[in-house]
Amino acid sequence: ADVVWSGTHGEWPDWGPHARCLTVLFAGSRHETGAVRDDNNICFLFNFYWESVPFEVPSPPLGFNWRKVIDTSADPGFWEESEAPLAESSLSVPSRSLIVLVESP
């Protein structure tokens, strides 16, 4: 699928009225999108809860890493992909914030 929705640990997301967290993965594979070339995968980690929440980051393909390009709780809250910090396999997403990860070699 070109868009994968999940919870904080890769499980099916909670679509209930009290859900506070969501992971969205956009696949950049030309096989998935029909594009002429492959593009980067992008992962959004949403935490609408009033406390920090641990998220498990989807595993990137062999030879790739996730880079944190946006963190709305940080100052500065964004980085160029080439300067963005590498993301760990699990991240604590601060309260009421968004982290955006870009897959890169």
Protein backbone atom coordinates (compact mmCIF):
# COMPACT_ATOMS: atom_id res chain seq x y z
CA ALA A 1 0.00 0.00 0.00
CA ASP A 2 1.22 3.50 -0.65
CA VAL A 3 -0.18 4.75 2.70
CA VAL A 4 0.01 2.68 5.88
CA TRP A 5 -1.88 3.75 9.01
CA SER A 6 -0.86 2.29 12.38
CA GLY A 7 -0.75 2.90 16.09
CA THR A 8 2.33 3.60 18.20
CA HIS A 9 3.73 0.05 17.92
CA GLY A 10 2.80 -0.95 14.38
CA GLU A 11 -0.63 -2.28 15.35
CA TRP A 12 -3.90 -1.34 13.68
CA PRO A 13 -4.66 2.28 14.68
CA ASP A 14 -7.31 3.13 17.23
CA TRP A 15 -9.96 5.03 15.28
CA GLY A 16 -12.07 5.57 18.41
CA PRO A 17 -13.15 9.00 19.68
CA HIS A 18 -10.52 8.93 22.46
CA ALA A 19 -7.51 7.96 20.30
CA ARG A 20 -4.54 10.26 20.82
CA CYS A 21 -1.72 8.83 18.64
CA LEU A 22 -1.21 7.83 15.02
CA THR A 23 1.61 6.75 12.70
CA VAL A 24 1.27 7.36 8.95
CA LEU A 25 3.81 5.93 6.47
CA PHE A 26 3.84 7.17 2.87
CA ALA A 27 5.66 4.74 0.57
CA GLY A 28 7.80 6.40 -2.08
CA SER A 29 8.37 3.25 -4.13
CA ARG A 30 7.54 3.76 -7.79
CA HIS A 31 5.93 0.31 -7.64
CA GLU A 32 3.53 1.73 -5.04
CA THR A 33 2.98 5.17 -6.57
CA GLY A 34 3.30 4.54 -10.32
CA ALA A 35 5.95 7.27 -10.58
CA VAL A 36 8.87 7.23 -13.02
CA ARG A 37 11.44 6.86 -10.19
CA ASP A 38 11.55 5.86 -6.54
CA ASP A 39 11.19 8.58 -3.94
CA ASN A 40 11.84 8.66 -0.20
CA ASN A 41 9.46 7.02 2.25
CA ILE A 42 8.08 9.51 4.77
CA CYS A 43 6.78 8.66 8.24
CA PHE A 44 4.61 10.93 10.40
CA LEU A 45 4.35 10.29 14.16
CA PHE A 46 1.42 12.22 15.67
CA ASN A 47 0.96 12.57 19.44
CA PHE A 48 -2.15 14.50 20.43
CA TYR A 49 -1.90 13.29 24.05
CA TRP A 50 -0.89 15.64 26.91
CA GLU A 51 2.08 13.41 27.87
CA SER A 52 5.02 11.99 25.90
CA VAL A 53 4.29 8.66 24.21
CA PRO A 54 6.80 6.03 22.99
CA PHE A 55 6.52 5.07 19.31
CA GLU A 56 8.18 2.18 17.49
CA VAL A 57 9.53 3.42 14.16
CA PRO A 58 8.89 1.18 11.14
CA SER A 59 12.04 -0.62 9.98
CA PRO A 60 13.66 0.99 6.94
CA PRO A 61 14.94 -1.19 4.07
CA LEU A 62 18.49 -2.52 4.29
CA GLY A 63 21.01 0.26 3.71
CA PHE A 64 18.60 3.04 4.69
CA ASN A 65 18.01 5.06 7.87
CA TRP A 66 15.31 7.35 9.14
CA ARG A 67 16.26 11.01 9.55
CA LYS A 68 14.22 13.34 11.75
CA VAL A 69 13.46 16.35 9.52
CA ILE A 70 10.65 17.89 11.60
CA ASP A 71 10.01 17.87 15.35
CA THR A 72 7.42 20.44 16.39
CA SER A 73 8.57 20.24 20.03
CA ALA A 74 12.19 21.18 19.22
CA ASP A 75 13.88 24.50 18.55
CA PRO A 76 14.71 24.60 15.72
CA GLY A 77 11.93 22.27 14.71
CA PHE A 78 13.21 21.36 11.26
CA TRP A 79 16.42 20.30 9.52
CA GLU A 80 17.63 19.86 5.94
CA GLU A 81 17.65 16.15 5.15
CA SER A 82 21.45 16.10 4.86
CA GLU A 83 21.80 17.64 8.35
CA ALA A 84 18.88 15.90 10.05
CA PRO A 85 19.67 13.67 13.04
CA LEU A 86 19.33 9.91 12.62
CA ALA A 87 16.24 8.47 14.30
CA GLU A 88 16.37 5.49 16.64
CA SER A 89 14.13 2.44 16.23
CA SER A 90 11.91 3.84 18.98
CA LEU A 91 11.21 7.48 19.76
CA SER A 92 9.49 9.25 22.59
CA VAL A 93 7.19 11.75 20.91
CA PRO A 94 6.60 14.72 23.22
CA SER A 95 3.11 15.82 24.17
CA ARG A 96 0.97 17.47 21.50
CA SER A 97 3.63 17.25 18.81
CA LEU A 98 4.53 15.80 15.44
CA ILE A 99 7.76 14.16 14.27
CA VAL A 100 8.40 13.65 10.54
CA LEU A 101 10.98 11.11 9.43
CA VAL A 102 12.43 10.80 5.93
CA GLU A 103 14.10 7.59 4.78
CA SER A 104 17.54 8.17 3.27
CA PRO A 105 20.65 6.10 2.41
